């Protein structure tokens, strides 16, 4: 780049050639001058404590402090909200656990870390730091996890109880009938000698519906020389219920039955002196008193007796 200078004071025109290095040197010199001037101005401002500069610095510091404080307050508010949510979850889980324990008939075991000595005194609130809030959040989060585990165990026990109840013969096999001969020794109705009666008799008219006392699988649904038309239902774990002297059989072997489902009707078949249902409960082939099972149901207390 060339610059030509023309002046009346000059006898001839002068030509100045500007090289790239000249431009760079000029720009560098300007930058050095600007930074030096700014540094000098800043030093003089601080040294001489100029009001304008002090006000500007104070304003900047206040803005930064306000931003920092707002950020901290926002985080503390979020942590406090989270803390409240965890406390509410703990209370809800405790209340739900108590209700489920009552339904399941299970006594909840108190963990050692939840047992506290008796305390008291006036309430004096204390502000919590971010670190304290974080520790309390972590403690409550761990407590929620433990409560959830306890609740899952109670839920499993409740489910187990419901399944067990459905498999126990607790439903009266005859709704419209009277309690006849009980379980135990008696005089045989035909021979007249002392003999063991391994079930309970329900006296009812021929054709009265007979229902399954519990869920199970039909093992036998056929005629027996002594029991007449007979049904055996397997309830699992070696528990079997027997329904004898039926006038008819409404189910087939290997079929699934539900508690309360109709399976036949009262009759007078086999070794029998009149219309009634002979009901047995056997565990591993050994006769049990059916009353011990039926009493666990709600219907036994209202059973008619002669």
C-alpha atoms as a PDB file:
ATOM      1  CA  UNK A   1       0.000   0.000   0.000  1.00  0.00           C
ATOM      2  CA  UNK A   2       1.400   3.417  -1.040  1.00  0.00           C
ATOM      3  CA  UNK A   3       0.382   6.923   0.096  1.00  0.00           C
ATOM      4  CA  UNK A   4       1.373   9.914  -2.126  1.00  0.00           C
ATOM      5  CA  UNK A   5       1.754  13.240  -0.320  1.00  0.00           C
ATOM      6  CA  UNK A   6       1.331  16.408  -2.409  1.00  0.00           C
ATOM      7  CA  UNK A   7       1.880  19.850  -0.820  1.00  0.00           C
ATOM      8  CA  UNK A   8       2.811  23.352  -2.029  1.00  0.00           C
ATOM      9  CA  UNK A   9       5.560  23.352   0.534  1.00  0.00           C
ATOM     10  CA  UNK A  10       7.092  20.364  -1.118  1.00  0.00           C
ATOM     11  CA  UNK A  11       8.916  20.769  -4.366  1.00  0.00           C
ATOM     12  CA  UNK A  12       7.954  17.247  -5.409  1.00  0.00           C
ATOM     13  CA  UNK A  13       5.345  14.648  -4.389  1.00  0.00           C
ATOM     14  CA  UNK A  14       6.434  12.187  -1.721  1.00  0.00           C
ATOM     15  CA  UNK A  15       5.453   8.536  -1.709  1.00  0.00           C
ATOM     16  CA  UNK A  16       5.080   6.558   1.530  1.00  0.00           C
ATOM     17  CA  UNK A  17       4.912   2.803   1.320  1.00  0.00           C
ATOM     18  CA  UNK A  18       2.993   1.067   4.159  1.00  0.00           C
ATOM     19  CA  UNK A  19       3.912  -2.566   4.642  1.00  0.00           C
ATOM     20  CA  UNK A  20       1.779  -5.181   6.578  1.00  0.00           C
ATOM     21  CA  UNK A  21       4.292  -5.124   9.381  1.00  0.00           C
ATOM     22  CA  UNK A  22       3.667  -1.413   9.792  1.00  0.00           C
ATOM     23  CA  UNK A  23      -0.093  -2.061  10.191  1.00  0.00           C
ATOM     24  CA  UNK A  24       0.496  -4.803  12.731  1.00  0.00           C
ATOM     25  CA  UNK A  25       2.894  -2.660  14.696  1.00  0.00           C
ATOM     26  CA  UNK A  26       0.367   0.174  14.771  1.00  0.00           C
ATOM     27  CA  UNK A  27      -2.479  -2.087  15.945  1.00  0.00           C
ATOM     28  CA  UNK A  28      -0.260  -3.615  18.623  1.00  0.00           C
ATOM     29  CA  UNK A  29       0.763  -0.174  19.818  1.00  0.00           C
ATOM     30  CA  UNK A  30      -2.903   0.897  20.035  1.00  0.00           C
ATOM     31  CA  UNK A  31      -3.818  -2.211  22.048  1.00  0.00           C
ATOM     32  CA  UNK A  32      -0.927  -1.654  24.430  1.00  0.00           C
ATOM     33  CA  UNK A  33      -2.017   1.935  24.843  1.00  0.00           C
ATOM     34  CA  UNK A  34      -5.633   1.000  25.537  1.00  0.00           C
ATOM     35  CA  UNK A  35      -4.744  -1.666  28.127  1.00  0.00           C
ATOM     36  CA  UNK A  36      -2.170   0.568  29.760  1.00  0.00           C
ATOM     37  CA  UNK A  37      -4.653   3.405  29.971  1.00  0.00           C
ATOM     38  CA  UNK A  38      -7.332   1.123  31.434  1.00  0.00           C
ATOM     39  CA  UNK A  39      -4.936  -0.313  33.991  1.00  0.00           C
ATOM     40  CA  UNK A  40      -3.724   3.131  34.958  1.00  0.00           C
ATOM     41  CA  UNK A  41      -7.299   4.364  35.283  1.00  0.00           C
ATOM     42  CA  UNK A  42      -8.274   1.386  37.412  1.00  0.00           C
ATOM     43  CA  UNK A  43      -5.238   1.808  39.659  1.00  0.00           C
ATOM     44  CA  UNK A  44      -5.877   5.528  40.070  1.00  0.00           C
ATOM     45  CA  UNK A  45      -9.534   4.831  40.789  1.00  0.00           C
ATOM     46  CA  UNK A  46      -8.745   2.363  43.523  1.00  0.00           C
ATOM     47  CA  UNK A  47      -5.840   4.333  44.922  1.00  0.00           C
ATOM     48  CA  UNK A  48      -7.681   7.640  44.911  1.00  0.00           C
ATOM     49  CA  UNK A  49     -11.048   5.977  45.819  1.00  0.00           C
ATOM     50  CA  UNK A  50     -13.056   7.712  43.168  1.00  0.00           C
ATOM     51  CA  UNK A  51     -16.812   7.603  44.108  1.00  0.00           C
ATOM     52  CA  UNK A  52     -17.978   6.635  40.635  1.00  0.00           C
ATOM     53  CA  UNK A  53     -15.707   3.647  40.442  1.00  0.00           C
ATOM     54  CA  UNK A  54     -16.503   2.581  44.005  1.00  0.00           C
ATOM     55  CA  UNK A  55     -20.206   2.707  43.309  1.00  0.00           C
ATOM     56  CA  UNK A  56     -19.738   0.649  40.176  1.00  0.00           C
ATOM     57  CA  UNK A  57     -17.697  -1.994  42.006  1.00  0.00           C
ATOM     58  CA  UNK A  58     -20.172  -2.135  44.887  1.00  0.00           C
ATOM     59  CA  UNK A  59     -23.054  -2.522  42.443  1.00  0.00           C
ATOM     60  CA  UNK A  60     -21.283  -5.356  40.666  1.00  0.00           C
ATOM     61  CA  UNK A  61     -20.543  -7.117  43.971  1.00  0.00           C
ATOM     62  CA  UNK A  62     -24.153  -6.726  45.115  1.00  0.00           C
ATOM     63  CA  UNK A  63     -25.426  -8.171  41.861  1.00  0.00           C
ATOM     64  CA  UNK A  64     -23.121 -11.158  42.164  1.00  0.00           C
ATOM     65  CA  UNK A  65     -24.085 -11.662  45.813  1.00  0.00           C
ATOM     66  CA  UNK A  66     -27.767 -11.448  44.926  1.00  0.00           C
ATOM     67  CA  UNK A  67     -27.387 -14.028  42.173  1.00  0.00           C
ATOM     68  CA  UNK A  68     -25.482 -16.355  44.491  1.00  0.00           C
ATOM     69  CA  UNK A  69     -28.024 -15.896  47.288  1.00  0.00           C
ATOM     70  CA  UNK A  70     -30.953 -16.475  44.938  1.00  0.00           C
ATOM     71  CA  UNK A  71     -29.307 -19.639  43.642  1.00  0.00           C
ATOM     72  CA  UNK A  72     -28.669 -20.907  47.177  1.00  0.00           C
ATOM     73  CA  UNK A  73     -32.202 -20.013  48.305  1.00  0.00           C
ATOM     74  CA  UNK A  74     -33.646 -21.792  45.283  1.00  0.00           C
ATOM     75  CA  UNK A  75     -31.613 -24.927  46.013  1.00  0.00           C
ATOM     76  CA  UNK A  76     -32.571 -24.833  49.688  1.00  0.00           C
ATOM     77  CA  UNK A  77     -36.236 -24.480  48.748  1.00  0.00           C
ATOM     78  CA  UNK A  78     -35.993 -27.477  46.436  1.00  0.00           C
ATOM     79  CA  UNK A  79     -34.235 -29.502  49.119  1.00  0.00           C
ATOM     80  CA  UNK A  80     -36.827 -28.490  51.723  1.00  0.00           C
ATOM     81  CA  UNK A  81     -39.618 -29.506  49.347  1.00  0.00           C
ATOM     82  CA  UNK A  82     -37.947 -32.849  48.724  1.00  0.00           C
ATOM     83  CA  UNK A  83     -37.536 -33.318  52.476  1.00  0.00           C
ATOM     84  CA  UNK A  84     -41.243 -32.695  53.024  1.00  0.00           C
ATOM     85  CA  UNK A  85     -42.165 -35.160  50.270  1.00  0.00           C
ATOM     86  CA  UNK A  86     -39.986 -37.862  51.844  1.00  0.00           C
ATOM     87  CA  UNK A  87     -41.484 -37.242  55.283  1.00  0.00           C
ATOM     88  CA  UNK A  88     -44.979 -37.559  53.801  1.00  0.00           C
ATOM     89  CA  UNK A  89     -43.987 -40.809  52.061  1.00  0.00           C
ATOM     90  CA  UNK A  90     -42.694 -42.259  55.337  1.00  0.00           C
ATOM     91  CA  UNK A  91     -45.980 -41.418  57.100  1.00  0.00           C
ATOM     92  CA  UNK A  92     -48.048 -42.862  54.241  1.00  0.00           C
ATOM     93  CA  UNK A  93     -45.990 -46.056  54.136  1.00  0.00           C
ATOM     94  CA  UNK A  94     -46.296 -46.469  57.906  1.00  0.00           C
ATOM     95  CA  UNK A  95     -50.078 -46.007  57.813  1.00  0.00           C
ATOM     96  CA  UNK A  96     -50.462 -48.349  54.838  1.00  0.00           C
ATOM     97  CA  UNK A  97     -48.202 -50.921  56.499  1.00  0.00           C
ATOM     98  CA  UNK A  98     -50.338 -50.876  59.654  1.00  0.00           C
ATOM     99  CA  UNK A  99     -53.533 -51.406  57.647  1.00  0.00           C
ATOM    100  CA  UNK A 100     -52.027 -54.233  55.597  1.00  0.00           C
ATOM    101  CA  UNK A 101     -50.624 -55.857  58.730  1.00  0.00           C
ATOM    102  CA  UNK A 102     -54.094 -55.811  60.243  1.00  0.00           C
ATOM    103  CA  UNK A 103     -55.619 -57.359  57.136  1.00  0.00           C
ATOM    104  CA  UNK A 104     -52.922 -59.993  56.941  1.00  0.00           C
ATOM    105  CA  UNK A 105     -53.066 -60.713  60.654  1.00  0.00           C
ATOM    106  CA  UNK A 106     -49.325 -60.125  60.869  1.00  0.00           C
ATOM    107  CA  UNK A 107     -47.628 -58.260  63.670  1.00  0.00           C
ATOM    108  CA  UNK A 108     -45.100 -55.857  62.223  1.00  0.00           C
ATOM    109  CA  UNK A 109     -41.602 -56.144  63.586  1.00  0.00           C
ATOM    110  CA  UNK A 110     -40.109 -52.827  64.568  1.00  0.00           C
ATOM    111  CA  UNK A 111     -36.594 -52.287  63.266  1.00  0.00           C
ATOM    112  CA  UNK A 112     -33.962 -51.306  65.789  1.00  0.00           C
ATOM    113  CA  UNK A 113     -33.234 -48.101  63.890  1.00  0.00           C
ATOM    114  CA  UNK A 114     -36.874 -46.986  64.163  1.00  0.00           C
ATOM    115  CA  UNK A 115     -37.184 -47.492  67.920  1.00  0.00           C
ATOM    116  CA  UNK A 116     -36.581 -44.247  69.775  1.00  0.00           C
ATOM    117  CA  UNK A 117     -36.484 -43.472  73.463  1.00  0.00           C
ATOM    118  CA  UNK A 118     -39.187 -41.217  74.898  1.00  0.00           C
ATOM    119  CA  UNK A 119     -38.452 -37.527  74.364  1.00  0.00           C
ATOM    120  CA  UNK A 120     -40.132 -34.200  74.989  1.00  0.00           C
ATOM    121  CA  UNK A 121     -39.667 -30.492  75.492  1.00  0.00           C
ATOM    122  CA  UNK A 122     -40.627 -27.188  73.850  1.00  0.00           C
ATOM    123  CA  UNK A 123     -40.384 -26.763  70.099  1.00  0.00           C
ATOM    124  CA  UNK A 124     -37.490 -24.484  69.171  1.00  0.00           C
ATOM    125  CA  UNK A 125     -37.065 -24.351  65.384  1.00  0.00           C
ATOM    126  CA  UNK A 126     -33.514 -24.318  64.040  1.00  0.00           C
ATOM    127  CA  UNK A 127     -32.604 -23.342  60.505  1.00  0.00           C
ATOM    128  CA  UNK A 128     -30.858 -26.102  58.588  1.00  0.00           C
ATOM    129  CA  UNK A 129     -27.903 -25.650  56.324  1.00  0.00           C
ATOM    130  CA  UNK A 130     -27.678 -27.187  52.878  1.00  0.00           C
ATOM    131  CA  UNK A 131     -25.439 -29.926  54.258  1.00  0.00           C
ATOM    132  CA  UNK A 132     -27.891 -30.724  57.056  1.00  0.00           C
ATOM    133  CA  UNK A 133     -30.787 -30.840  54.587  1.00  0.00           C
ATOM    134  CA  UNK A 134     -28.856 -33.171  52.308  1.00  0.00           C
ATOM    135  CA  UNK A 135     -28.058 -35.531  55.200  1.00  0.00           C
ATOM    136  CA  UNK A 136     -31.692 -35.570  56.293  1.00  0.00           C
ATOM    137  CA  UNK A 137     -32.839 -36.216  52.724  1.00  0.00           C
ATOM    138  CA  UNK A 138     -30.440 -39.147  52.410  1.00  0.00           C
ATOM    139  CA  UNK A 139     -31.613 -40.541  55.772  1.00  0.00           C
ATOM    140  CA  UNK A 140     -35.298 -40.287  54.833  1.00  0.00           C
ATOM    141  CA  UNK A 141     -34.659 -41.743  51.373  1.00  0.00           C
ATOM    142  CA  UNK A 142     -33.022 -44.773  52.984  1.00  0.00           C
ATOM    143  CA  UNK A 143     -35.940 -44.993  55.427  1.00  0.00           C
ATOM    144  CA  UNK A 144     -38.432 -44.928  52.551  1.00  0.00           C
ATOM    145  CA  UNK A 145     -36.548 -47.795  50.895  1.00  0.00           C
ATOM    146  CA  UNK A 146     -36.673 -49.842  54.107  1.00  0.00           C
ATOM    147  CA  UNK A 147     -40.376 -49.080  54.605  1.00  0.00           C
ATOM    148  CA  UNK A 148     -41.034 -50.134  51.000  1.00  0.00           C
ATOM    149  CA  UNK A 149     -39.235 -53.431  51.603  1.00  0.00           C
ATOM    150  CA  UNK A 150     -41.251 -54.010  54.792  1.00  0.00           C
ATOM    151  CA  UNK A 151     -44.460 -53.195  52.925  1.00  0.00           C
ATOM    152  CA  UNK A 152     -43.571 -55.652  50.172  1.00  0.00           C
ATOM    153  CA  UNK A 153     -43.079 -58.386  52.794  1.00  0.00           C
ATOM    154  CA  UNK A 154     -46.437 -57.602  54.407  1.00  0.00           C
ATOM    155  CA  UNK A 155     -48.083 -57.603  50.984  1.00  0.00           C
ATOM    156  CA  UNK A 156     -46.558 -61.014  50.265  1.00  0.00           C
ATOM    157  CA  UNK A 157     -47.822 -62.355  53.592  1.00  0.00           C
ATOM    158  CA  UNK A 158     -51.277 -60.964  52.858  1.00  0.00           C
ATOM    159  CA  UNK A 159     -51.289 -62.653  49.461  1.00  0.00           C
ATOM    160  CA  UNK A 160     -50.037 -65.855  51.064  1.00  0.00           C
ATOM    161  CA  UNK A 161     -52.839 -65.661  53.648  1.00  0.00           C
ATOM    162  CA  UNK A 162     -55.467 -65.114  50.974  1.00  0.00           C
ATOM    163  CA  UNK A 163     -54.204 -68.103  49.002  1.00  0.00           C
ATOM    164  CA  UNK A 164     -54.072 -70.241  52.130  1.00  0.00           C
ATOM    165  CA  UNK A 165     -57.601 -69.197  53.110  1.00  0.00           C
ATOM    166  CA  UNK A 166     -58.908 -70.143  49.695  1.00  0.00           C
ATOM    167  CA  UNK A 167     -57.285 -73.560  49.967  1.00  0.00           C
ATOM    168  CA  UNK A 168     -58.559 -74.268  53.488  1.00  0.00           C
ATOM    169  CA  UNK A 169     -61.996 -75.960  53.647  1.00  0.00           C
ATOM    170  CA  UNK A 170     -63.781 -73.219  55.628  1.00  0.00           C
ATOM    171  CA  UNK A 171     -67.011 -72.933  53.590  1.00  0.00           C
ATOM    172  CA  UNK A 172     -70.029 -74.939  54.741  1.00  0.00           C
ATOM    173  CA  UNK A 173     -70.639 -77.652  52.142  1.00  0.00           C
ATOM    174  CA  UNK A 174     -74.406 -77.507  52.805  1.00  0.00           C
ATOM    175  CA  UNK A 175     -76.048 -74.119  53.287  1.00  0.00           C
ATOM    176  CA  UNK A 176     -79.605 -75.271  54.043  1.00  0.00           C
ATOM    177  CA  UNK A 177     -79.129 -78.050  56.524  1.00  0.00           C
ATOM    178  CA  UNK A 178     -78.659 -79.023  60.154  1.00  0.00           C
ATOM    179  CA  UNK A 179     -75.571 -80.233  61.936  1.00  0.00           C
ATOM    180  CA  UNK A 180     -75.983 -83.933  62.568  1.00  0.00           C
ATOM    181  CA  UNK A 181     -73.542 -86.452  63.937  1.00  0.00           C
ATOM    182  CA  UNK A 182     -70.223 -84.759  64.892  1.00  0.00           C
ATOM    183  CA  UNK A 183     -66.662 -85.994  64.499  1.00  0.00           C
ATOM    184  CA  UNK A 184     -65.582 -88.640  66.999  1.00  0.00           C
ATOM    185  CA  UNK A 185     -66.723 -91.875  68.559  1.00  0.00           C
ATOM    186  CA  UNK A 186     -70.394 -92.831  68.362  1.00  0.00           C
ATOM    187  CA  UNK A 187     -72.683 -95.809  68.111  1.00  0.00           C
ATOM    188  CA  UNK A 188     -72.652 -97.047  64.531  1.00  0.00           C
ATOM    189  CA  UNK A 189     -76.101 -96.253  63.027  1.00  0.00           C
ATOM    190  CA  UNK A 190     -76.388 -99.697  61.417  1.00  0.00           C
ATOM    191  CA  UNK A 191     -74.389-102.063  63.641  1.00  0.00           C
ATOM    192  CA  UNK A 192     -75.182-100.266  66.899  1.00  0.00           C
ATOM    193  CA  UNK A 193     -71.656-100.759  68.282  1.00  0.00           C
ATOM    194  CA  UNK A 194     -69.100 -98.130  69.264  1.00  0.00           C
ATOM    195  CA  UNK A 195     -67.226 -96.867  66.178  1.00  0.00           C
ATOM    196  CA  UNK A 196     -65.246 -93.908  64.975  1.00  0.00           C
ATOM    197  CA  UNK A 197     -67.057 -91.288  62.892  1.00  0.00           C
ATOM    198  CA  UNK A 198     -64.352 -89.595  60.818  1.00  0.00           C
ATOM    199  CA  UNK A 199     -66.431 -86.683  59.582  1.00  0.00           C
ATOM    200  CA  UNK A 200     -69.419 -84.428  60.189  1.00  0.00           C
ATOM    201  CA  UNK A 201     -72.952 -85.125  58.980  1.00  0.00           C
ATOM    202  CA  UNK A 202     -75.171 -82.404  57.569  1.00  0.00           C
ATOM    203  CA  UNK A 203     -78.842 -83.386  57.587  1.00  0.00           C
ATOM    204  CA  UNK A 204     -80.785 -81.970  54.629  1.00  0.00           C
ATOM    205  CA  UNK A 205     -83.388 -83.035  52.111  1.00  0.00           C
ATOM    206  CA  UNK A 206     -82.368 -85.059  49.096  1.00  0.00           C
ATOM    207  CA  UNK A 207     -81.374 -82.768  46.257  1.00  0.00           C
ATOM    208  CA  UNK A 208     -80.054 -79.960  48.516  1.00  0.00           C
ATOM    209  CA  UNK A 209     -77.007 -78.445  46.750  1.00  0.00           C
ATOM    210  CA  UNK A 210     -73.539 -79.386  47.998  1.00  0.00           C
ATOM    211  CA  UNK A 211     -70.668 -76.942  47.390  1.00  0.00           C
ATOM    212  CA  UNK A 212     -66.878 -77.216  47.552  1.00  0.00           C
ATOM    213  CA  UNK A 213     -65.466 -76.083  50.898  1.00  0.00           C
ATOM    214  CA  UNK A 214     -62.340 -74.664  49.222  1.00  0.00           C
ATOM    215  CA  UNK A 215     -60.479 -74.362  45.928  1.00  0.00           C
ATOM    216  CA  UNK A 216     -58.942 -77.543  44.653  1.00  0.00           C
ATOM    217  CA  UNK A 217     -58.682 -80.343  42.101  1.00  0.00           C
ATOM    218  CA  UNK A 218     -61.149 -83.221  41.962  1.00  0.00           C
ATOM    219  CA  UNK A 219     -59.391 -86.488  42.762  1.00  0.00           C
ATOM    220  CA  UNK A 220     -62.405 -88.819  42.873  1.00  0.00           C
ATOM    221  CA  UNK A 221     -65.927 -88.410  41.558  1.00  0.00           C
ATOM    222  CA  UNK A 222     -67.435 -91.918  41.566  1.00  0.00           C
ATOM    223  CA  UNK A 223     -69.530 -94.433  43.452  1.00  0.00           C
ATOM    224  CA  UNK A 224     -68.078 -96.051  46.593  1.00  0.00           C
ATOM    225  CA  UNK A 225     -69.602 -99.142  48.275  1.00  0.00           C
ATOM    226  CA  UNK A 226     -69.750 -97.467  51.713  1.00  0.00           C
ATOM    227  CA  UNK A 227     -69.767 -93.758  50.890  1.00  0.00           C
ATOM    228  CA  UNK A 228     -72.115 -94.074  47.920  1.00  0.00           C
ATOM    229  CA  UNK A 229     -71.667 -91.274  45.375  1.00  0.00           C
ATOM    230  CA  UNK A 230     -68.458 -89.677  46.646  1.00  0.00           C
ATOM    231  CA  UNK A 231     -66.227 -86.724  45.718  1.00  0.00           C
ATOM    232  CA  UNK A 232     -62.684 -86.163  46.968  1.00  0.00           C
ATOM    233  CA  UNK A 233     -61.093 -82.740  46.366  1.00  0.00           C
ATOM    234  CA  UNK A 234     -57.343 -82.156  46.753  1.00  0.00           C
ATOM    235  CA  UNK A 235     -56.506 -78.707  48.229  1.00  0.00           C
ATOM    236  CA  UNK A 236     -52.744 -79.152  48.147  1.00  0.00           C
ATOM    237  CA  UNK A 237     -50.105 -80.002  50.764  1.00  0.00           C
ATOM    238  CA  UNK A 238     -51.860 -83.339  51.447  1.00  0.00           C
ATOM    239  CA  UNK A 239     -55.168 -81.708  52.448  1.00  0.00           C
ATOM    240  CA  UNK A 240     -58.273 -83.453  51.022  1.00  0.00           C
ATOM    241  CA  UNK A 241     -61.995 -82.905  51.619  1.00  0.00           C
ATOM    242  CA  UNK A 242     -64.603 -85.682  51.077  1.00  0.00           C
ATOM    243  CA  UNK A 243     -68.306 -85.395  50.244  1.00  0.00           C
ATOM    244  CA  UNK A 244     -70.260 -88.684  50.565  1.00  0.00           C
ATOM    245  CA  UNK A 245     -73.765 -90.207  50.145  1.00  0.00           C
ATOM    246  CA  UNK A 246     -74.576 -87.778  47.296  1.00  0.00           C
ATOM    247  CA  UNK A 247     -77.688 -88.217  45.204  1.00  0.00           C
ATOM    248  CA  UNK A 248     -75.792 -86.944  42.169  1.00  0.00           C
ATOM    249  CA  UNK A 249     -72.300 -85.823  41.122  1.00  0.00           C
ATOM    250  CA  UNK A 250     -71.978 -82.652  39.016  1.00  0.00           C
ATOM    251  CA  UNK A 251     -68.213 -82.616  38.400  1.00  0.00           C
ATOM    252  CA  UNK A 252     -65.632 -84.879  36.833  1.00  0.00           C
ATOM    253  CA  UNK A 253     -62.222 -86.094  38.054  1.00  0.00           C
ATOM    254  CA  UNK A 254     -59.240 -83.789  37.389  1.00  0.00           C
ATOM    255  CA  UNK A 255     -61.498 -80.726  37.083  1.00  0.00           C
ATOM    256  CA  UNK A 256     -60.732 -77.505  38.952  1.00  0.00           C
ATOM    257  CA  UNK A 257     -63.285 -76.267  41.461  1.00  0.00           C
ATOM    258  CA  UNK A 258     -63.669 -72.984  43.329  1.00  0.00           C
ATOM    259  CA  UNK A 259     -64.783 -72.560  46.917  1.00  0.00           C
ATOM    260  CA  UNK A 260     -68.543 -72.327  47.038  1.00  0.00           C
ATOM    261  CA  UNK A 261     -68.961 -73.973  43.621  1.00  0.00           C
ATOM    262  CA  UNK A 262     -71.803 -76.508  43.361  1.00  0.00           C
ATOM    263  CA  UNK A 263     -70.423 -80.047  42.983  1.00  0.00           C
ATOM    264  CA  UNK A 264     -73.437 -82.268  43.662  1.00  0.00           C
ATOM    265  CA  UNK A 265     -76.511 -82.793  45.858  1.00  0.00           C
ATOM    266  CA  UNK A 266     -77.402 -84.366  49.189  1.00  0.00           C
ATOM    267  CA  UNK A 267     -78.544 -87.965  48.923  1.00  0.00           C
ATOM    268  CA  UNK A 268     -78.913 -91.326  50.637  1.00  0.00           C
ATOM    269  CA  UNK A 269     -76.519 -93.549  48.703  1.00  0.00           C
ATOM    270  CA  UNK A 270     -74.068 -96.116  50.058  1.00  0.00           C
ATOM    271  CA  UNK A 271     -74.053 -97.116  53.710  1.00  0.00           C
ATOM    272  CA  UNK A 272     -76.583 -94.587  54.931  1.00  0.00           C
ATOM    273  CA  UNK A 273     -79.847 -94.540  56.904  1.00  0.00           C
ATOM    274  CA  UNK A 274     -81.250 -91.310  55.454  1.00  0.00           C
ATOM    275  CA  UNK A 275     -80.628 -88.200  53.384  1.00  0.00           C
ATOM    276  CA  UNK A 276     -77.551 -86.352  54.613  1.00  0.00           C
ATOM    277  CA  UNK A 277     -74.020 -85.270  53.578  1.00  0.00           C
ATOM    278  CA  UNK A 278     -71.058 -86.963  55.201  1.00  0.00           C
ATOM    279  CA  UNK A 279     -68.172 -84.417  55.112  1.00  0.00           C
ATOM    280  CA  UNK A 280     -64.559 -85.291  55.906  1.00  0.00           C
ATOM    281  CA  UNK A 281     -61.226 -83.466  55.960  1.00  0.00           C
ATOM    282  CA  UNK A 282     -58.042 -85.541  55.740  1.00  0.00           C
ATOM    283  CA  UNK A 283     -54.417 -84.497  56.096  1.00  0.00           C
ATOM    284  CA  UNK A 284     -51.942 -86.952  54.585  1.00  0.00           C
ATOM    285  CA  UNK A 285     -54.682 -89.565  54.737  1.00  0.00           C
ATOM    286  CA  UNK A 286     -55.430 -89.006  58.444  1.00  0.00           C
ATOM    287  CA  UNK A 287     -58.951 -87.875  59.324  1.00  0.00           C
ATOM    288  CA  UNK A 288     -59.166 -84.423  60.952  1.00  0.00           C
ATOM    289  CA  UNK A 289     -62.093 -82.820  62.733  1.00  0.00           C
ATOM    290  CA  UNK A 290     -63.762 -80.744  59.978  1.00  0.00           C
ATOM    291  CA  UNK A 291     -65.137 -78.360  62.610  1.00  0.00           C
ATOM    292  CA  UNK A 292     -61.611 -77.060  63.249  1.00  0.00           C
ATOM    293  CA  UNK A 293     -61.517 -75.819  59.653  1.00  0.00           C
ATOM    294  CA  UNK A 294     -65.136 -74.754  59.310  1.00  0.00           C
ATOM    295  CA  UNK A 295     -64.947 -72.636  62.466  1.00  0.00           C
ATOM    296  CA  UNK A 296     -62.405 -70.404  60.695  1.00  0.00           C
ATOM    297  CA  UNK A 297     -65.144 -69.383  58.287  1.00  0.00           C
ATOM    298  CA  UNK A 298     -67.984 -66.981  58.986  1.00  0.00           C
ATOM    299  CA  UNK A 299     -70.786 -69.452  58.240  1.00  0.00           C
ATOM    300  CA  UNK A 300     -70.169 -72.068  60.917  1.00  0.00           C
ATOM    301  CA  UNK A 301     -71.387 -69.820  63.746  1.00  0.00           C
ATOM    302  CA  UNK A 302     -74.772 -69.551  62.014  1.00  0.00           C
ATOM    303  CA  UNK A 303     -75.106 -73.284  61.299  1.00  0.00           C
ATOM    304  CA  UNK A 304     -78.429 -74.737  62.439  1.00  0.00           C
ATOM    305  CA  UNK A 305     -78.223 -77.456  65.080  1.00  0.00           C
ATOM    306  CA  UNK A 306     -80.800 -79.973  66.220  1.00  0.00           C
END
